Amino acid sequence: VTAAGSSAQQVVDQATEAGQKAMDQV
């Protein structure tokens, strides 16, 4: 459960970072 939670958090963090980069480019 802990490993799955960490993986899910990494996915969220990466998606957030990608979204922020896209917004910066716009």
PDB file of all heavy atoms in Angstrom:
ATOM      1  N   VAL A   1       0.845  -1.206   0.000  1.00  0.00           N
ATOM      2  CA  VAL A   1       0.000   0.000   0.000  1.00  0.00           C
ATOM      3  C   VAL A   1       0.874   1.247   0.000  1.00  0.00           C
ATOM      4  O   VAL A   1       0.610   2.205  -0.734  1.00  0.00           O
ATOM      5  CB  VAL A   1      -0.954  -0.019   1.215  1.00  0.00           C
ATOM      6  CG1 VAL A   1      -1.613   1.337   1.406  1.00  0.00           C
ATOM      7  CG2 VAL A   1      -2.000  -1.114   1.043  1.00  0.00           C
ATOM      8  N   THR A   2       1.920   1.231   0.802  1.00  0.00           N
ATOM      9  CA  THR A   2       2.822   2.385   0.863  1.00  0.00           C
ATOM     10  C   THR A   2       3.498   2.616  -0.489  1.00  0.00           C
ATOM     11  O   THR A   2       3.580   3.755  -0.970  1.00  0.00           O
ATOM     12  CB  THR A   2       3.882   2.177   1.960  1.00  0.00           C
ATOM     13  OG1 THR A   2       3.212   2.021   3.215  1.00  0.00           O
ATOM     14  CG2 THR A   2       4.843   3.341   2.042  1.00  0.00           C
ATOM     15  N   ALA A   3       3.965   1.535  -1.114  1.00  0.00           N
ATOM     16  CA  ALA A   3       4.616   1.656  -2.423  1.00  0.00           C
ATOM     17  C   ALA A   3       3.633   2.165  -3.474  1.00  0.00           C
ATOM     18  O   ALA A   3       3.972   3.026  -4.291  1.00  0.00           O
ATOM     19  CB  ALA A   3       5.197   0.310  -2.847  1.00  0.00           C
ATOM     20  N   ALA A   4       2.401   1.662  -3.441  1.00  0.00           N
ATOM     21  CA  ALA A   4       1.388   2.109  -4.403  1.00  0.00           C
ATOM     22  C   ALA A   4       1.076   3.589  -4.186  1.00  0.00           C
ATOM     23  O   ALA A   4       0.920   4.348  -5.147  1.00  0.00           O
ATOM     24  CB  ALA A   4       0.124   1.269  -4.274  1.00  0.00           C
ATOM     25  N   GLY A   5       0.998   3.993  -2.926  1.00  0.00           N
ATOM     26  CA  GLY A   5       0.744   5.405  -2.627  1.00  0.00           C
ATOM     27  C   GLY A   5       1.861   6.292  -3.126  1.00  0.00           C
ATOM     28  O   GLY A   5       1.620   7.364  -3.683  1.00  0.00           O
ATOM     29  N   SER A   6       3.091   5.845  -2.955  1.00  0.00           N
ATOM     30  CA  SER A   6       4.237   6.622  -3.434  1.00  0.00           C
ATOM     31  C   SER A   6       4.225   6.728  -4.952  1.00  0.00           C
ATOM     32  O   SER A   6       4.487   7.801  -5.507  1.00  0.00           O
ATOM     33  CB  SER A   6       5.540   5.965  -2.978  1.00  0.00           C
ATOM     34  OG  SER A   6       5.667   6.028  -1.581  1.00  0.00           O
ATOM     35  N   SER A   7       3.905   5.633  -5.611  1.00  0.00           N
ATOM     36  CA  SER A   7       3.843   5.653  -7.073  1.00  0.00           C
ATOM     37  C   SER A   7       2.741   6.580  -7.560  1.00  0.00           C
ATOM     38  O   SER A   7       2.935   7.346  -8.506  1.00  0.00           O
ATOM     39  CB  SER A   7       3.600   4.241  -7.609  1.00  0.00           C
ATOM     40  OG  SER A   7       4.703   3.416  -7.323  1.00  0.00           O
ATOM     41  N   ALA A   8       1.601   6.507  -6.905  1.00  0.00           N
ATOM     42  CA  ALA A   8       0.496   7.384  -7.294  1.00  0.00           C
ATOM     43  C   ALA A   8       0.871   8.848  -7.090  1.00  0.00           C
ATOM     44  O   ALA A   8       0.564   9.698  -7.927  1.00  0.00           O
ATOM     45  CB  ALA A   8      -0.759   7.039  -6.488  1.00  0.00           C
ATOM     46  N   GLN A   9       1.557   9.150  -6.009  1.00  0.00           N
ATOM     47  CA  GLN A   9       1.972  10.532  -5.748  1.00  0.00           C
ATOM     48  C   GLN A   9       2.965  11.007  -6.804  1.00  0.00           C
ATOM     49  O   GLN A   9       2.918  12.152  -7.243  1.00  0.00           O
ATOM     50  CB  GLN A   9       2.589  10.660  -4.353  1.00  0.00           C
ATOM     51  CG  GLN A   9       2.910  12.086  -3.971  1.00  0.00           C
ATOM     52  CD  GLN A   9       1.695  12.989  -3.944  1.00  0.00           C
ATOM     53  OE1 GLN A   9       0.684  12.650  -3.352  1.00  0.00           O
ATOM     54  NE2 GLN A   9       1.772  14.127  -4.608  1.00  0.00           N
ATOM     55  N   GLN A  10       3.859  10.113  -7.230  1.00  0.00           N
ATOM     56  CA  GLN A  10       4.815  10.484  -8.280  1.00  0.00           C
ATOM     57  C   GLN A  10       4.088  10.809  -9.581  1.00  0.00           C
ATOM     58  O   GLN A  10       4.442  11.761 -10.276  1.00  0.00           O
ATOM     59  CB  GLN A  10       5.825   9.358  -8.500  1.00  0.00           C
ATOM     60  CG  GLN A  10       6.833   9.219  -7.383  1.00  0.00           C
ATOM     61  CD  GLN A  10       7.766   8.025  -7.576  1.00  0.00           C
ATOM     62  OE1 GLN A  10       7.515   7.155  -8.408  1.00  0.00           O
ATOM     63  NE2 GLN A  10       8.826   7.980  -6.794  1.00  0.00           N
ATOM     64  N   VAL A  11       3.070  10.023  -9.902  1.00  0.00           N
ATOM     65  CA  VAL A  11       2.298  10.277 -11.121  1.00  0.00           C
ATOM     66  C   VAL A  11       1.602  11.634 -11.023  1.00  0.00           C
ATOM     67  O   VAL A  11       1.625  12.425 -11.967  1.00  0.00           O
ATOM     68  CB  VAL A  11       1.271   9.139 -11.362  1.00  0.00           C
ATOM     69  CG1 VAL A  11       0.281   9.523 -12.454  1.00  0.00           C
ATOM     70  CG2 VAL A  11       1.984   7.850 -11.726  1.00  0.00           C
ATOM     71  N   VAL A  12       1.016  11.911  -9.881  1.00  0.00           N
ATOM     72  CA  VAL A  12       0.343  13.202  -9.681  1.00  0.00           C
ATOM     73  C   VAL A  12       1.347  14.346  -9.794  1.00  0.00           C
ATOM     74  O   VAL A  12       1.081  15.355 -10.454  1.00  0.00           O
ATOM     75  CB  VAL A  12      -0.378  13.227  -8.313  1.00  0.00           C
ATOM     76  CG1 VAL A  12      -0.840  14.640  -7.969  1.00  0.00           C
ATOM     77  CG2 VAL A  12      -1.558  12.269  -8.309  1.00  0.00           C
ATOM     78  N   ASP A  13       2.507  14.179  -9.162  1.00  0.00           N
ATOM     79  CA  ASP A  13       3.531  15.225  -9.220  1.00  0.00           C
ATOM     80  C   ASP A  13       3.992  15.471 -10.651  1.00  0.00           C
ATOM     81  O   ASP A  13       4.162  16.622 -11.073  1.00  0.00           O
ATOM     82  CB  ASP A  13       4.730  14.851  -8.340  1.00  0.00           C
ATOM     83  CG  ASP A  13       4.406  14.878  -6.850  1.00  0.00           C
ATOM     84  OD1 ASP A  13       3.351  15.437  -6.470  1.00  0.00           O
ATOM     85  OD2 ASP A  13       5.212  14.328  -6.067  1.00  0.00           O
ATOM     86  N   GLN A  14       4.201  14.388 -11.406  1.00  0.00           N
ATOM     87  CA  GLN A  14       4.651  14.536 -12.791  1.00  0.00           C
ATOM     88  C   GLN A  14       3.578  15.194 -13.653  1.00  0.00           C
ATOM     89  O   GLN A  14       3.888  16.039 -14.490  1.00  0.00           O
ATOM     90  CB  GLN A  14       5.049  13.175 -13.363  1.00  0.00           C
ATOM     91  CG  GLN A  14       6.332  12.636 -12.760  1.00  0.00           C
ATOM     92  CD  GLN A  14       6.639  11.213 -13.175  1.00  0.00           C
ATOM     93  OE1 GLN A  14       5.805  10.536 -13.775  1.00  0.00           O
ATOM     94  NE2 GLN A  14       7.826  10.736 -12.849  1.00  0.00           N
ATOM     95  N   ALA A  15       2.327  14.813 -13.424  1.00  0.00           N
ATOM     96  CA  ALA A  15       1.241  15.428 -14.188  1.00  0.00           C
ATOM     97  C   ALA A  15       1.116  16.910 -13.847  1.00  0.00           C
ATOM     98  O   ALA A  15       0.899  17.745 -14.732  1.00  0.00           O
ATOM     99  CB  ALA A  15      -0.076  14.702 -13.899  1.00  0.00           C
ATOM    100  N   THR A  16       1.275  17.232 -12.576  1.00  0.00           N
ATOM    101  CA  THR A  16       1.208  18.633 -12.153  1.00  0.00           C
ATOM    102  C   THR A  16       2.339  19.430 -12.792  1.00  0.00           C
ATOM    103  O   THR A  16       2.125  20.548 -13.292  1.00  0.00           O
ATOM    104  CB  THR A  16       1.288  18.722 -10.616  1.00  0.00           C
ATOM    105  OG1 THR A  16       0.196  17.995 -10.061  1.00  0.00           O
ATOM    106  CG2 THR A  16       1.240  20.154 -10.137  1.00  0.00           C
ATOM    107  N   GLU A  17       3.529  18.872 -12.784  1.00  0.00           N
ATOM    108  CA  GLU A  17       4.682  19.559 -13.380  1.00  0.00           C
ATOM    109  C   GLU A  17       4.483  19.752 -14.878  1.00  0.00           C
ATOM    110  O   GLU A  17       4.752  20.834 -15.417  1.00  0.00           O
ATOM    111  CB  GLU A  17       5.951  18.750 -13.114  1.00  0.00           C
ATOM    112  CG  GLU A  17       7.207  19.421 -13.615  1.00  0.00           C
ATOM    113  CD  GLU A  17       8.473  18.632 -13.295  1.00  0.00           C
ATOM    114  OE1 GLU A  17       8.469  17.846 -12.323  1.00  0.00           O
ATOM    115  OE2 GLU A  17       9.459  18.795 -14.030  1.00  0.00           O
ATOM    116  N   ALA A  18       3.982  18.718 -15.552  1.00  0.00           N
ATOM    117  CA  ALA A  18       3.746  18.827 -16.996  1.00  0.00           C
ATOM    118  C   ALA A  18       2.679  19.880 -17.281  1.00  0.00           C
ATOM    119  O   ALA A  18       2.814  20.667 -18.221  1.00  0.00           O
ATOM    120  CB  ALA A  18       3.319  17.469 -17.559  1.00  0.00           C
ATOM    121  N   GLY A  19       1.638  19.905 -16.471  1.00  0.00           N
ATOM    122  CA  GLY A  19       0.591  20.912 -16.643  1.00  0.00           C
ATOM    123  C   GLY A  19       1.123  22.314 -16.430  1.00  0.00           C
ATOM    124  O   GLY A  19       0.770  23.244 -17.160  1.00  0.00           O
ATOM    125  N   GLN A  20       1.969  22.474 -15.437  1.00  0.00           N
ATOM    126  CA  GLN A  20       2.548  23.791 -15.167  1.00  0.00           C
ATOM    127  C   GLN A  20       3.440  24.242 -16.315  1.00  0.00           C
ATOM    128  O   GLN A  20       3.407  25.407 -16.723  1.00  0.00           O
ATOM    129  CB  GLN A  20       3.348  23.768 -13.858  1.00  0.00           C
ATOM    130  CG  GLN A  20       3.882  25.128 -13.456  1.00  0.00           C
ATOM    131  CD  GLN A  20       2.782  26.151 -13.219  1.00  0.00           C
ATOM    132  OE1 GLN A  20       1.843  25.895 -12.505  1.00  0.00           O
ATOM    133  NE2 GLN A  20       2.904  27.313 -13.833  1.00  0.00           N
ATOM    134  N   LYS A  21       4.225  23.309 -16.862  1.00  0.00           N
ATOM    135  CA  LYS A  21       5.079  23.652 -18.003  1.00  0.00           C
ATOM    136  C   LYS A  21       4.234  24.075 -19.203  1.00  0.00           C
ATOM    137  O   LYS A  21       4.569  25.037 -19.902  1.00  0.00           O
ATOM    138  CB  LYS A  21       5.971  22.474 -18.374  1.00  0.00           C
ATOM    139  CG  LYS A  21       7.116  22.261 -17.418  1.00  0.00           C
ATOM    140  CD  LYS A  21       8.000  21.089 -17.845  1.00  0.00           C
ATOM    141  CE  LYS A  21       9.134  20.876 -16.866  1.00  0.00           C
ATOM    142  NZ  LYS A  21       9.966  19.718 -17.235  1.00  0.00           N
ATOM    143  N   ALA A  22       3.149  23.359 -19.425  1.00  0.00           N
ATOM    144  CA  ALA A  22       2.267  23.705 -20.549  1.00  0.00           C
ATOM    145  C   ALA A  22       1.660  25.089 -20.344  1.00  0.00           C
ATOM    146  O   ALA A  22       1.607  25.894 -21.281  1.00  0.00           O
ATOM    147  CB  ALA A  22       1.169  22.651 -20.699  1.00  0.00           C
ATOM    148  N   MET A  23       1.222  25.368 -19.133  1.00  0.00           N
ATOM    149  CA  MET A  23       0.649  26.690 -18.849  1.00  0.00           C
ATOM    150  C   MET A  23       1.704  27.788 -18.998  1.00  0.00           C
ATOM    151  O   MET A  23       1.408  28.873 -19.506  1.00  0.00           O
ATOM    152  CB  MET A  23       0.051  26.727 -17.441  1.00  0.00           C
ATOM    153  CG  MET A  23      -1.203  25.894 -17.294  1.00  0.00           C
ATOM    154  SD  MET A  23      -2.516  26.361 -18.436  1.00  0.00           S
ATOM    155  CE  MET A  23      -2.871  28.011 -17.874  1.00  0.00           C
ATOM    156  N   ASP A  24       2.931  27.518 -18.585  1.00  0.00           N
ATOM    157  CA  ASP A  24       4.014  28.494 -18.749  1.00  0.00           C
ATOM    158  C   ASP A  24       4.252  28.780 -20.225  1.00  0.00           C
ATOM    159  O   ASP A  24       4.465  29.931 -20.618  1.00  0.00           O
ATOM    160  CB  ASP A  24       5.300  27.984 -18.096  1.00  0.00           C
ATOM    161  CG  ASP A  24       5.232  27.974 -16.576  1.00  0.00           C
ATOM    162  OD1 ASP A  24       4.304  28.587 -16.002  1.00  0.00           O
ATOM    163  OD2 ASP A  24       6.112  27.333 -15.965  1.00  0.00           O
ATOM    164  N   GLN A  25       4.209  27.728 -21.058  1.00  0.00           N
ATOM    165  CA  GLN A  25       4.423  27.915 -22.494  1.00  0.00           C
ATOM    166  C   GLN A  25       3.291  28.730 -23.111  1.00  0.00           C
ATOM    167  O   GLN A  25       3.529  29.587 -23.955  1.00  0.00           O
ATOM    168  CB  GLN A  25       4.553  26.553 -23.188  1.00  0.00           C
ATOM    169  CG  GLN A  25       5.858  25.849 -22.860  1.00  0.00           C
ATOM    170  CD  GLN A  25       5.929  24.451 -23.450  1.00  0.00           C
ATOM    171  OE1 GLN A  25       4.934  23.891 -23.878  1.00  0.00           O
ATOM    172  NE2 GLN A  25       7.124  23.870 -23.445  1.00  0.00           N
ATOM    173  N   VAL A  26       2.050  28.456 -22.681  1.00  0.00           N
ATOM    174  CA  VAL A  26       0.908  29.219 -23.196  1.00  0.00           C
ATOM    175  C   VAL A  26       1.036  30.689 -22.795  1.00  0.00           C
ATOM    176  O   VAL A  26       0.819  31.591 -23.612  1.00  0.00           O
ATOM    177  CB  VAL A  26      -0.420  28.621 -22.681  1.00  0.00           C
ATOM    178  CG1 VAL A  26      -1.587  29.556 -22.943  1.00  0.00           C
ATOM    179  CG2 VAL A  26      -0.678  27.269 -23.325  1.00  0.00           C
TER     180      VAL A  26
END
